[in-house]
């Protein structure tokens, strides 16, 4: 099996609910990228990544470049594919856009393996250790406005958040 094609999609969705009741701003969008890795055997793996802001297009370009680099590679050799991408992006240093792009490709490669074996990615990684994962409400955008933090903390608690 070989990687035949990589397709990257920029998805823009309106923010239905800003972070814990934040005031909506005109034109607020949630942007993310989906990565579809298609194999010559017809199996498709899907990954996702995001950065937000103006740099999301840079992330898309990184994914496109990485996609060209891994064409014809074996998608089941996940570690080798990601090592190849890390080596190609080594001059950038660890982290940043390169890591976000590699992560999306890695997710798509694991998705291919799961589909081939007929199991979920969580099963490939050792099955879930718990049935639920608690989330938290972030109030980072409200720094300095105590009244706003208090109001949105109350809203988060009303919605069932236990961690803020």
N, C-alpha and C. Protein backbone atom coordinates (compact mmCIF):
# COMPACT_ATOMS: atom_id res chain seq x y z
N UNK A 1 0.86 -1.18 0.00
CA UNK A 1 0.00 0.00 0.00
C UNK A 1 0.90 1.23 0.00
N UNK A 2 0.50 2.23 -0.78
CA UNK A 2 1.27 3.47 -0.90
C UNK A 2 0.35 4.68 -0.77
N UNK A 3 0.91 5.77 -0.29
CA UNK A 3 0.17 7.03 -0.25
C UNK A 3 0.10 7.55 -1.68
N UNK A 4 -1.13 7.76 -2.13
CA UNK A 4 -1.34 8.19 -3.51
C UNK A 4 -1.55 9.69 -3.62
N UNK A 5 -2.35 10.23 -2.68
CA UNK A 5 -2.72 11.64 -2.77
C UNK A 5 -3.04 12.18 -1.40
N UNK A 6 -2.74 13.46 -1.22
CA UNK A 6 -3.07 14.17 0.01
C UNK A 6 -3.99 15.33 -0.37
N UNK A 7 -5.08 15.45 0.35
CA UNK A 7 -6.02 16.56 0.10
C UNK A 7 -6.17 17.34 1.40
N UNK A 8 -5.99 18.65 1.30
CA UNK A 8 -6.12 19.51 2.48
C UNK A 8 -7.30 20.44 2.26
N UNK A 9 -8.16 20.53 3.26
CA UNK A 9 -9.35 21.38 3.19
C UNK A 9 -9.32 22.41 4.31
N UNK A 10 -9.50 23.65 3.96
CA UNK A 10 -9.67 24.70 4.96
C UNK A 10 -11.15 24.79 5.27
N UNK A 11 -11.50 24.59 6.52
CA UNK A 11 -12.90 24.60 6.95
C UNK A 11 -13.11 25.81 7.84
N UNK A 12 -14.12 26.59 7.52
CA UNK A 12 -14.45 27.77 8.32
C UNK A 12 -15.87 27.60 8.84
N UNK A 13 -16.01 27.62 10.14
CA UNK A 13 -17.32 27.51 10.76
C UNK A 13 -17.55 28.72 11.66
N UNK A 14 -18.74 29.27 11.63
CA UNK A 14 -19.01 30.38 12.55
C UNK A 14 -18.99 29.88 13.99
N UNK A 15 -18.50 30.72 14.86
CA UNK A 15 -18.52 30.37 16.27
C UNK A 15 -19.95 30.44 16.77
N UNK A 16 -20.52 29.28 17.05
CA UNK A 16 -21.88 29.27 17.56
C UNK A 16 -21.91 29.76 18.99
N UNK A 17 -20.88 29.42 19.72
CA UNK A 17 -20.82 29.81 21.12
C UNK A 17 -19.37 30.16 21.44
N UNK A 18 -19.08 31.43 21.63
CA UNK A 18 -17.73 31.80 21.99
C UNK A 18 -17.35 31.17 23.33
N UNK A 19 -16.11 31.25 23.67
CA UNK A 19 -15.63 30.66 24.91
C UNK A 19 -16.47 31.13 26.09
N UNK A 20 -17.19 30.24 26.67
CA UNK A 20 -18.01 30.47 27.85
C UNK A 20 -18.69 31.84 27.85
N UNK A 21 -19.50 32.07 26.83
CA UNK A 21 -20.31 33.28 26.80
C UNK A 21 -19.58 34.55 26.44
N UNK A 22 -18.43 34.46 25.79
CA UNK A 22 -17.72 35.67 25.39
C UNK A 22 -18.59 36.47 24.43
N UNK A 23 -18.42 37.77 24.42
CA UNK A 23 -19.24 38.57 23.50
C UNK A 23 -18.86 38.24 22.06
N UNK A 24 -19.84 37.94 21.22
CA UNK A 24 -19.52 37.63 19.82
C UNK A 24 -19.01 38.86 19.10
N UNK A 25 -18.05 38.64 18.23
CA UNK A 25 -17.54 39.72 17.40
C UNK A 25 -17.94 39.42 15.96
N UNK A 26 -18.30 40.43 15.20
CA UNK A 26 -18.70 40.19 13.82
C UNK A 26 -17.61 39.45 13.05
N UNK A 27 -18.03 38.45 12.31
CA UNK A 27 -17.09 37.72 11.48
C UNK A 27 -16.26 36.67 12.21
N UNK A 28 -16.57 36.40 13.47
CA UNK A 28 -15.79 35.39 14.20
C UNK A 28 -15.98 34.03 13.55
N UNK A 29 -14.87 33.40 13.20
CA UNK A 29 -14.91 32.08 12.59
C UNK A 29 -13.95 31.16 13.31
N UNK A 30 -14.28 29.91 13.31
CA UNK A 30 -13.37 28.87 13.78
C UNK A 30 -12.81 28.23 12.52
N UNK A 31 -11.51 28.34 12.34
CA UNK A 31 -10.87 27.77 11.16
C UNK A 31 -10.03 26.57 11.55
N UNK A 32 -10.13 25.51 10.76
CA UNK A 32 -9.26 24.36 10.96
C UNK A 32 -9.02 23.70 9.62
N UNK A 33 -8.05 22.81 9.59
CA UNK A 33 -7.69 22.12 8.36
C UNK A 33 -7.93 20.63 8.53
N UNK A 34 -8.55 20.03 7.53
CA UNK A 34 -8.65 18.58 7.50
C UNK A 34 -7.64 18.07 6.48
N UNK A 35 -7.06 16.93 6.78
CA UNK A 35 -6.08 16.30 5.91
C UNK A 35 -6.63 14.94 5.54
N UNK A 36 -6.75 14.69 4.26
CA UNK A 36 -7.21 13.39 3.79
C UNK A 36 -6.04 12.74 3.06
N UNK A 37 -5.59 11.60 3.58
CA UNK A 37 -4.54 10.84 2.92
C UNK A 37 -5.21 9.66 2.23
N UNK A 38 -5.07 9.60 0.91
CA UNK A 38 -5.68 8.55 0.11
C UNK A 38 -4.60 7.57 -0.33
N UNK A 39 -4.90 6.28 -0.19
CA UNK A 39 -3.93 5.26 -0.58
C UNK A 39 -4.31 4.67 -1.93
N UNK A 40 -3.35 3.97 -2.54
CA UNK A 40 -3.63 3.31 -3.81
C UNK A 40 -4.58 2.13 -3.65
N UNK A 41 -4.82 1.70 -2.41
CA UNK A 41 -5.79 0.64 -2.13
C UNK A 41 -7.19 1.18 -1.85
N UNK A 42 -7.35 2.50 -1.94
CA UNK A 42 -8.66 3.11 -1.75
C UNK A 42 -9.01 3.43 -0.30
N UNK A 43 -8.07 3.27 0.61
CA UNK A 43 -8.34 3.61 2.02
C UNK A 43 -7.98 5.07 2.24
N UNK A 44 -8.85 5.76 2.98
CA UNK A 44 -8.64 7.17 3.26
C UNK A 44 -8.51 7.38 4.76
N UNK A 45 -7.45 8.09 5.14
CA UNK A 45 -7.28 8.47 6.54
C UNK A 45 -7.50 9.96 6.68
N UNK A 46 -8.11 10.36 7.78
CA UNK A 46 -8.43 11.77 8.00
C UNK A 46 -7.77 12.25 9.27
N UNK A 47 -7.13 13.41 9.17
CA UNK A 47 -6.53 14.08 10.32
C UNK A 47 -7.03 15.51 10.37
N UNK A 48 -6.77 16.17 11.47
CA UNK A 48 -7.23 17.55 11.63
C UNK A 48 -6.20 18.33 12.43
N UNK A 49 -6.09 19.61 12.13
CA UNK A 49 -5.21 20.50 12.86
C UNK A 49 -5.74 21.92 12.77
N UNK A 50 -5.25 22.77 13.61
CA UNK A 50 -5.65 24.18 13.58
C UNK A 50 -4.58 25.03 14.23
N UNK A 51 -4.60 26.27 13.91
CA UNK A 51 -3.73 27.25 14.56
C UNK A 51 -4.52 28.51 14.82
N UNK A 52 -5.36 28.86 13.90
CA UNK A 52 -6.16 30.07 14.05
C UNK A 52 -5.42 31.30 13.57
N UNK A 53 -6.17 32.34 13.38
CA UNK A 53 -5.56 33.58 12.94
C UNK A 53 -5.06 33.53 11.51
N UNK A 54 -4.25 34.47 11.17
CA UNK A 54 -3.76 34.61 9.80
C UNK A 54 -2.81 33.49 9.39
N UNK A 55 -2.20 32.83 10.34
CA UNK A 55 -1.18 31.83 10.02
C UNK A 55 -1.76 30.49 9.59
N UNK A 56 -3.08 30.33 9.61
CA UNK A 56 -3.70 29.07 9.19
C UNK A 56 -3.36 28.75 7.74
N UNK A 57 -3.20 29.76 6.90
CA UNK A 57 -2.82 29.52 5.51
C UNK A 57 -1.38 29.01 5.41
N UNK A 58 -0.53 29.46 6.30
CA UNK A 58 0.84 28.96 6.34
C UNK A 58 0.84 27.49 6.72
N UNK A 59 0.00 27.14 7.66
CA UNK A 59 -0.14 25.74 8.06
C UNK A 59 -0.63 24.90 6.89
N UNK A 60 -1.57 25.42 6.12
CA UNK A 60 -2.06 24.72 4.93
C UNK A 60 -0.92 24.48 3.94
N UNK A 61 -0.10 25.48 3.74
CA UNK A 61 1.03 25.33 2.82
C UNK A 61 2.03 24.29 3.33
N UNK A 62 2.26 24.26 4.63
CA UNK A 62 3.16 23.25 5.21
C UNK A 62 2.60 21.85 4.96
N UNK A 63 1.29 21.69 5.13
CA UNK A 63 0.66 20.39 4.87
C UNK A 63 0.79 19.99 3.40
N UNK A 64 0.61 20.95 2.52
CA UNK A 64 0.75 20.66 1.09
C UNK A 64 2.17 20.21 0.76
N UNK A 65 3.17 20.91 1.31
CA UNK A 65 4.57 20.55 1.06
C UNK A 65 4.88 19.17 1.64
N UNK A 66 4.44 18.92 2.85
CA UNK A 66 4.66 17.60 3.47
C UNK A 66 3.95 16.51 2.68
N UNK A 67 2.76 16.81 2.17
CA UNK A 67 2.01 15.84 1.37
C UNK A 67 2.78 15.41 0.15
N UNK A 68 3.42 16.36 -0.51
CA UNK A 68 4.24 16.02 -1.68
C UNK A 68 5.42 15.15 -1.27
N UNK A 69 5.97 15.43 -0.13
CA UNK A 69 7.15 14.71 0.36
C UNK A 69 6.87 13.25 0.67
N UNK A 70 5.64 12.93 1.09
CA UNK A 70 5.36 11.55 1.51
C UNK A 70 4.58 10.74 0.47
N UNK A 71 4.32 11.31 -0.69
CA UNK A 71 3.66 10.54 -1.74
C UNK A 71 4.49 9.29 -2.05
N UNK A 72 3.80 8.18 -2.22
CA UNK A 72 4.39 6.87 -2.52
C UNK A 72 5.01 6.20 -1.29
N UNK A 73 4.97 6.83 -0.13
CA UNK A 73 5.43 6.18 1.10
C UNK A 73 4.39 5.18 1.58
N UNK A 74 4.81 4.26 2.41
CA UNK A 74 3.91 3.27 3.00
C UNK A 74 3.20 3.90 4.19
N UNK A 75 1.87 4.06 4.14
CA UNK A 75 1.16 4.72 5.24
C UNK A 75 1.15 3.91 6.53
N UNK A 76 1.48 2.65 6.46
CA UNK A 76 1.51 1.83 7.67
C UNK A 76 2.83 1.97 8.43
N UNK A 77 3.77 2.64 7.84
CA UNK A 77 5.06 2.88 8.49
C UNK A 77 5.03 4.29 9.10
N UNK A 78 4.10 4.47 10.00
CA UNK A 78 3.81 5.78 10.58
C UNK A 78 5.05 6.44 11.16
N UNK A 79 5.81 5.69 11.93
CA UNK A 79 6.99 6.27 12.59
C UNK A 79 8.00 6.73 11.56
N UNK A 80 8.19 5.98 10.49
CA UNK A 80 9.15 6.38 9.46
C UNK A 80 8.68 7.61 8.69
N UNK A 81 7.39 7.66 8.41
CA UNK A 81 6.84 8.83 7.71
C UNK A 81 7.00 10.08 8.57
N UNK A 82 6.65 9.99 9.84
CA UNK A 82 6.77 11.17 10.70
C UNK A 82 8.24 11.54 10.93
N UNK A 83 9.12 10.56 10.99
CA UNK A 83 10.56 10.85 11.13
C UNK A 83 11.06 11.59 9.89
N UNK A 84 10.60 11.18 8.73
CA UNK A 84 10.97 11.85 7.47
C UNK A 84 10.52 13.31 7.49
N UNK A 85 9.30 13.55 7.98
CA UNK A 85 8.78 14.91 8.04
C UNK A 85 9.52 15.75 9.08
N UNK A 86 9.85 15.14 10.21
CA UNK A 86 10.62 15.86 11.23
C UNK A 86 12.01 16.23 10.70
N UNK A 87 12.63 15.31 9.99
CA UNK A 87 13.95 15.59 9.42
C UNK A 87 13.86 16.73 8.39
N UNK A 88 12.80 16.71 7.59
CA UNK A 88 12.62 17.75 6.57
C UNK A 88 12.39 19.12 7.20
N UNK A 89 11.79 19.14 8.38
CA UNK A 89 11.47 20.41 9.03
C UNK A 89 12.45 20.75 10.16
N UNK A 90 13.52 19.99 10.31
CA UNK A 90 14.47 20.21 11.40
C UNK A 90 15.01 21.63 11.47
N UNK A 91 15.29 22.28 10.35
CA UNK A 91 15.80 23.66 10.45
C UNK A 91 14.83 24.62 11.13
N UNK A 92 13.55 24.27 11.19
CA UNK A 92 12.54 25.12 11.84
C UNK A 92 12.60 25.01 13.35
N UNK A 93 13.26 23.98 13.85
CA UNK A 93 13.26 23.73 15.28
C UNK A 93 12.01 22.97 15.69
N UNK A 94 11.96 22.50 16.92
CA UNK A 94 10.78 21.74 17.37
C UNK A 94 9.60 22.67 17.60
N UNK A 95 8.42 22.13 17.42
CA UNK A 95 7.20 22.90 17.69
C UNK A 95 6.73 23.67 16.47
N UNK A 96 5.81 24.57 16.71
CA UNK A 96 5.32 25.47 15.68
C UNK A 96 4.49 24.82 14.59
N UNK A 97 4.46 25.49 13.45
CA UNK A 97 3.63 25.07 12.32
C UNK A 97 4.00 23.67 11.85
N UNK A 98 5.29 23.35 11.81
CA UNK A 98 5.71 22.02 11.34
C UNK A 98 5.11 20.93 12.21
N UNK A 99 5.14 21.10 13.51
CA UNK A 99 4.59 20.09 14.41
C UNK A 99 3.08 19.97 14.27
N UNK A 100 2.39 21.08 14.08
CA UNK A 100 0.94 21.04 13.85
C UNK A 100 0.62 20.27 12.58
N UNK A 101 1.41 20.47 11.53
CA UNK A 101 1.18 19.77 10.27
C UNK A 101 1.50 18.28 10.42
N UNK A 102 2.61 17.97 11.04
CA UNK A 102 2.99 16.57 11.24
C UNK A 102 1.95 15.84 12.06
N UNK A 103 1.40 16.50 13.06
CA UNK A 103 0.38 15.88 13.92
C UNK A 103 -0.86 15.49 13.12
N UNK A 104 -1.30 16.35 12.22
CA UNK A 104 -2.48 16.04 11.41
C UNK A 104 -2.21 14.86 10.50
N UNK A 105 -1.03 14.80 9.92
CA UNK A 105 -0.66 13.67 9.06
C UNK A 105 -0.58 12.39 9.88
N UNK A 106 0.00 12.48 11.05
CA UNK A 106 0.11 11.33 11.94
C UNK A 106 -1.28 10.77 12.29
N UNK A 107 -2.21 11.65 12.60
CA UNK A 107 -3.59 11.22 12.90
C UNK A 107 -4.19 10.49 11.70
N UNK A 108 -4.00 11.05 10.51
CA UNK A 108 -4.55 10.43 9.29
C UNK A 108 -3.92 9.06 9.04
N UNK A 109 -2.61 8.92 9.31
CA UNK A 109 -1.96 7.63 9.12
C UNK A 109 -2.49 6.58 10.09
N UNK A 110 -2.72 6.97 11.33
CA UNK A 110 -3.31 6.05 12.31
C UNK A 110 -4.73 5.69 11.91
N UNK A 111 -5.45 6.64 11.33
CA UNK A 111 -6.81 6.37 10.86
C UNK A 111 -6.79 5.32 9.75
N UNK A 112 -5.83 5.41 8.86
CA UNK A 112 -5.69 4.41 7.79
C UNK A 112 -5.46 3.03 8.39
N UNK A 113 -4.55 2.94 9.35
CA UNK A 113 -4.25 1.65 9.99
C UNK A 113 -5.50 1.09 10.68
N UNK A 114 -6.22 1.94 11.38
CA UNK A 114 -7.43 1.49 12.06
C UNK A 114 -8.47 0.97 11.08
N UNK A 115 -8.65 1.68 9.97
CA UNK A 115 -9.62 1.24 8.97
C UNK A 115 -9.19 -0.08 8.34
N UNK A 116 -7.90 -0.23 8.08
CA UNK A 116 -7.38 -1.46 7.49
C UNK A 116 -7.60 -2.65 8.43
N UNK A 117 -7.38 -2.43 9.72
CA UNK A 117 -7.51 -3.50 10.71
C UNK A 117 -8.93 -3.63 11.26
N UNK A 118 -9.80 -2.69 10.91
CA UNK A 118 -11.18 -2.75 11.37
C UNK A 118 -11.38 -2.43 12.83
N UNK A 119 -10.50 -1.57 13.37
CA UNK A 119 -10.61 -1.19 14.78
C UNK A 119 -10.44 0.33 14.90
N UNK A 120 -10.84 0.86 16.03
CA UNK A 120 -10.69 2.29 16.27
C UNK A 120 -9.23 2.62 16.56
N UNK A 121 -8.90 3.88 16.39
CA UNK A 121 -7.54 4.33 16.71
C UNK A 121 -7.26 4.11 18.20
N UNK A 122 -8.26 4.32 19.04
CA UNK A 122 -8.05 4.10 20.48
C UNK A 122 -7.71 2.64 20.76
N UNK A 123 -8.31 1.71 20.02
CA UNK A 123 -7.97 0.29 20.18
C UNK A 123 -6.53 0.03 19.74
N UNK A 124 -6.11 0.68 18.66
CA UNK A 124 -4.72 0.53 18.21
C UNK A 124 -3.73 1.02 19.25
N UNK A 125 -4.15 2.04 19.99
CA UNK A 125 -3.26 2.65 20.99
C UNK A 125 -3.44 2.05 22.39
N UNK A 126 -4.21 0.97 22.50
CA UNK A 126 -4.32 0.30 23.78
C UNK A 126 -5.66 0.44 24.47
N UNK A 127 -6.69 0.81 23.75
CA UNK A 127 -8.04 0.98 24.29
C UNK A 127 -8.12 2.11 25.30
N UNK A 128 -9.30 2.69 25.42
CA UNK A 128 -9.46 3.80 26.36
C UNK A 128 -9.28 3.34 27.80
N UNK A 129 -8.72 4.21 28.58
CA UNK A 129 -8.52 3.93 30.01
C UNK A 129 -9.68 4.43 30.85
N UNK A 130 -10.52 5.27 30.26
CA UNK A 130 -11.68 5.80 30.97
C UNK A 130 -12.79 6.04 29.97
N UNK A 131 -14.00 6.15 30.47
CA UNK A 131 -15.16 6.35 29.59
C UNK A 131 -15.42 7.82 29.32
N UNK A 132 -14.95 8.68 30.22
CA UNK A 132 -15.18 10.12 30.07
C UNK A 132 -13.89 10.87 30.35
N UNK A 133 -13.74 11.98 29.68
CA UNK A 133 -12.63 12.89 29.95
C UNK A 133 -13.25 14.23 30.29
N UNK A 134 -12.93 14.72 31.45
CA UNK A 134 -13.49 16.01 31.84
C UNK A 134 -12.80 17.14 31.08
N UNK A 135 -13.57 18.17 30.80
CA UNK A 135 -13.03 19.33 30.10
C UNK A 135 -13.02 20.52 31.06
N UNK A 136 -12.39 21.58 30.61
CA UNK A 136 -12.38 22.79 31.43
C UNK A 136 -12.83 23.97 30.58
N UNK A 137 -13.28 25.00 31.25
CA UNK A 137 -13.68 26.24 30.58
C UNK A 137 -12.51 27.21 30.69
N UNK A 138 -12.10 27.75 29.57
CA UNK A 138 -10.99 28.70 29.56
C UNK A 138 -11.52 30.12 29.63
N UNK A 139 -10.94 30.90 30.51
CA UNK A 139 -11.31 32.30 30.63
C UNK A 139 -10.12 33.21 30.31
N UNK A 140 -9.17 32.71 29.53
CA UNK A 140 -7.96 33.46 29.24
C UNK A 140 -8.23 34.81 28.59
N UNK A 141 -9.24 34.89 27.75
CA UNK A 141 -9.47 36.13 27.02
C UNK A 141 -10.05 37.24 27.88
N UNK A 142 -10.34 36.99 29.16
CA UNK A 142 -10.97 37.99 30.01
C UNK A 142 -10.02 38.62 31.01
N UNK A 143 -8.74 38.47 30.82
CA UNK A 143 -7.80 38.99 31.81
C UNK A 143 -8.00 40.49 32.00
N UNK A 144 -7.99 40.90 33.25
CA UNK A 144 -8.10 42.31 33.59
C UNK A 144 -9.51 42.80 33.87
N UNK A 145 -10.53 42.08 33.44
CA UNK A 145 -11.91 42.52 33.65
C UNK A 145 -12.55 41.57 34.67
N UNK A 146 -12.44 41.91 35.94
CA UNK A 146 -12.89 41.03 37.02
C UNK A 146 -14.39 40.73 36.92
N UNK A 147 -15.18 41.73 36.61
CA UNK A 147 -16.63 41.52 36.52
C UNK A 147 -16.96 40.53 35.40
N UNK A 148 -16.26 40.66 34.29
CA UNK A 148 -16.49 39.76 33.16
C UNK A 148 -16.07 38.33 33.53
N UNK A 149 -14.94 38.19 34.21
CA UNK A 149 -14.48 36.87 34.64
C UNK A 149 -15.50 36.26 35.59
N UNK A 150 -15.99 37.03 36.54
CA UNK A 150 -16.96 36.53 37.50
C UNK A 150 -18.25 36.06 36.80
N UNK A 151 -18.76 36.89 35.90
CA UNK A 151 -19.98 36.55 35.17
C UNK A 151 -19.80 35.26 34.35
N UNK A 152 -18.68 35.14 33.66
CA UNK A 152 -18.46 33.97 32.81
C UNK A 152 -18.05 32.73 33.61
N UNK A 153 -17.48 32.93 34.77
CA UNK A 153 -17.23 31.79 35.66
C UNK A 153 -18.56 31.21 36.12
N UNK A 154 -19.49 32.07 36.49
CA UNK A 154 -20.83 31.63 36.89
C UNK A 154 -21.50 30.88 35.75
N UNK A 155 -21.41 31.40 34.53
CA UNK A 155 -22.01 30.73 33.37
C UNK A 155 -21.39 29.35 33.15
N UNK A 156 -20.07 29.28 33.29
CA UNK A 156 -19.39 27.99 33.10
C UNK A 156 -19.86 26.98 34.14
N UNK A 157 -19.98 27.40 35.38
CA UNK A 157 -20.45 26.50 36.44
C UNK A 157 -21.89 26.06 36.18
N UNK A 158 -22.74 26.99 35.71
CA UNK A 158 -24.12 26.65 35.38
C UNK A 158 -24.20 25.62 34.26
N UNK A 159 -23.24 25.64 33.37
CA UNK A 159 -23.20 24.69 32.25
C UNK A 159 -22.58 23.35 32.63
N UNK A 160 -22.14 23.25 33.88
CA UNK A 160 -21.64 21.97 34.35
C UNK A 160 -20.13 21.82 34.39
N UNK A 161 -19.40 22.86 34.03
CA UNK A 161 -17.94 22.79 34.10
C UNK A 161 -17.51 22.71 35.57
N UNK A 162 -16.57 21.84 35.85
CA UNK A 162 -16.04 21.72 37.21
C UNK A 162 -14.62 22.28 37.31
N UNK A 163 -14.02 22.49 36.15
CA UNK A 163 -12.64 22.99 36.10
C UNK A 163 -12.62 24.23 35.23
N UNK A 164 -12.06 25.31 35.79
CA UNK A 164 -12.02 26.58 35.07
C UNK A 164 -10.59 27.11 35.11
